[in-house]
Amino acid sequence: MNFVLTFIGATALAVVVTAFPATIAVAAFVAVAVWVASGLQVRMNDTLFARKPVALFYIDGIGHLITLAIIGVIVSLFQT
């Protein structure tokens, strides 16, 4: 299930990045904006309702941010 959701998120990020001519910096910025808008709140909800430690929230959140930034950069590199 995690793979499917990551694939859907990567596809949505690719659509946003390819909607305009994006450099690597712009693509990374869009990835950070998407992370703040959606990923951060999902991770916070997971932490609050599952009663996970706060350190795990930071680890998961930063990992998700790095993943989105890498996806954004890869999409911008292959954009024609």
Protein backbone atom coordinates (compact mmCIF):
# COMPACT_ATOMS: atom_id res chain seq x y z
CA MET A 1 0.00 0.00 0.00
CA ASN A 2 2.88 2.36 0.77
CA PHE A 3 4.29 1.82 -2.73
CA VAL A 4 0.93 2.60 -4.35
CA LEU A 5 0.47 5.80 -2.33
CA THR A 6 4.04 6.90 -3.04
CA PHE A 7 3.49 6.24 -6.74
CA ILE A 8 0.30 8.33 -6.72
CA GLY A 9 2.07 11.15 -4.91
CA ALA A 10 5.02 11.01 -7.31
CA THR A 11 2.65 11.14 -10.27
CA ALA A 12 0.87 14.17 -8.83
CA LEU A 13 4.20 15.87 -8.18
CA ALA A 14 5.31 15.11 -11.75
CA VAL A 15 2.14 16.70 -13.11
CA VAL A 16 2.75 19.85 -11.05
CA VAL A 17 6.45 20.08 -11.98
CA THR A 18 5.83 19.52 -15.70
CA ALA A 19 3.01 22.07 -15.82
CA PHE A 20 5.63 24.80 -16.31
CA PRO A 21 9.28 24.86 -17.34
CA ALA A 22 11.03 23.90 -14.14
CA THR A 23 14.68 24.05 -13.25
CA ILE A 24 16.10 21.77 -10.58
CA ALA A 25 15.74 24.50 -7.94
CA VAL A 26 12.12 25.21 -8.87
CA ALA A 27 11.29 21.50 -8.86
CA ALA A 28 12.83 21.10 -5.40
CA PHE A 29 10.87 24.14 -4.18
CA VAL A 30 7.63 22.68 -5.55
CA ALA A 31 8.42 19.41 -3.78
CA VAL A 32 8.92 21.26 -0.50
CA ALA A 33 5.65 23.14 -1.02
CA VAL A 34 3.80 19.87 -1.69
CA TRP A 35 5.40 18.37 1.42
CA VAL A 36 4.33 21.28 3.60
CA ALA A 37 0.81 21.26 2.14
CA SER A 38 0.13 17.55 2.45
CA GLY A 39 2.94 15.37 3.73
CA LEU A 40 3.60 17.25 6.93
CA GLN A 41 0.01 17.14 8.11
CA VAL A 42 -0.32 13.44 7.29
CA ARG A 43 2.81 12.66 9.30
CA MET A 44 1.54 14.80 12.18
CA ASN A 45 -1.78 12.93 12.21
CA ASP A 46 0.06 9.61 12.21
CA THR A 47 2.13 10.74 15.15
CA LEU A 48 -0.79 12.09 17.17
CA PHE A 49 -3.23 9.23 16.68
CA ALA A 50 -0.71 6.39 16.86
CA ARG A 51 1.02 8.04 19.82
CA LYS A 52 4.42 7.68 18.24
CA PRO A 53 7.45 9.46 19.73
CA VAL A 54 8.11 12.96 18.44
CA ALA A 55 11.57 11.94 17.24
CA LEU A 56 9.93 9.45 14.91
CA PHE A 57 7.78 12.27 13.51
CA TYR A 58 10.93 14.20 12.60
CA ILE A 59 12.61 11.16 11.07
CA ASP A 60 9.56 10.22 8.99
CA GLY A 61 8.87 13.80 7.95
CA ILE A 62 12.42 14.52 6.83
CA GLY A 63 12.56 11.19 4.99
CA HIS A 64 9.34 12.07 3.14
CA LEU A 65 10.69 15.54 2.31
CA ILE A 66 13.90 14.10 0.88
CA THR A 67 11.92 11.58 -1.18
CA LEU A 68 9.70 14.29 -2.67
CA ALA A 69 12.69 16.54 -3.42
CA ILE A 70 14.48 13.70 -5.23
CA ILE A 71 11.35 12.89 -7.24
CA GLY A 72 10.97 16.56 -8.20
CA VAL A 73 14.59 16.83 -9.30
CA ILE A 74 14.41 13.61 -11.34
CA VAL A 75 11.23 14.75 -13.08
CA SER A 76 12.76 18.13 -13.90
CA LEU A 77 15.89 16.45 -15.33
CA PHE A 78 13.86 14.29 -17.70
CA GLN A 79 11.49 17.07 -18.72
CA THR A 80 11.86 17.96 -22.39
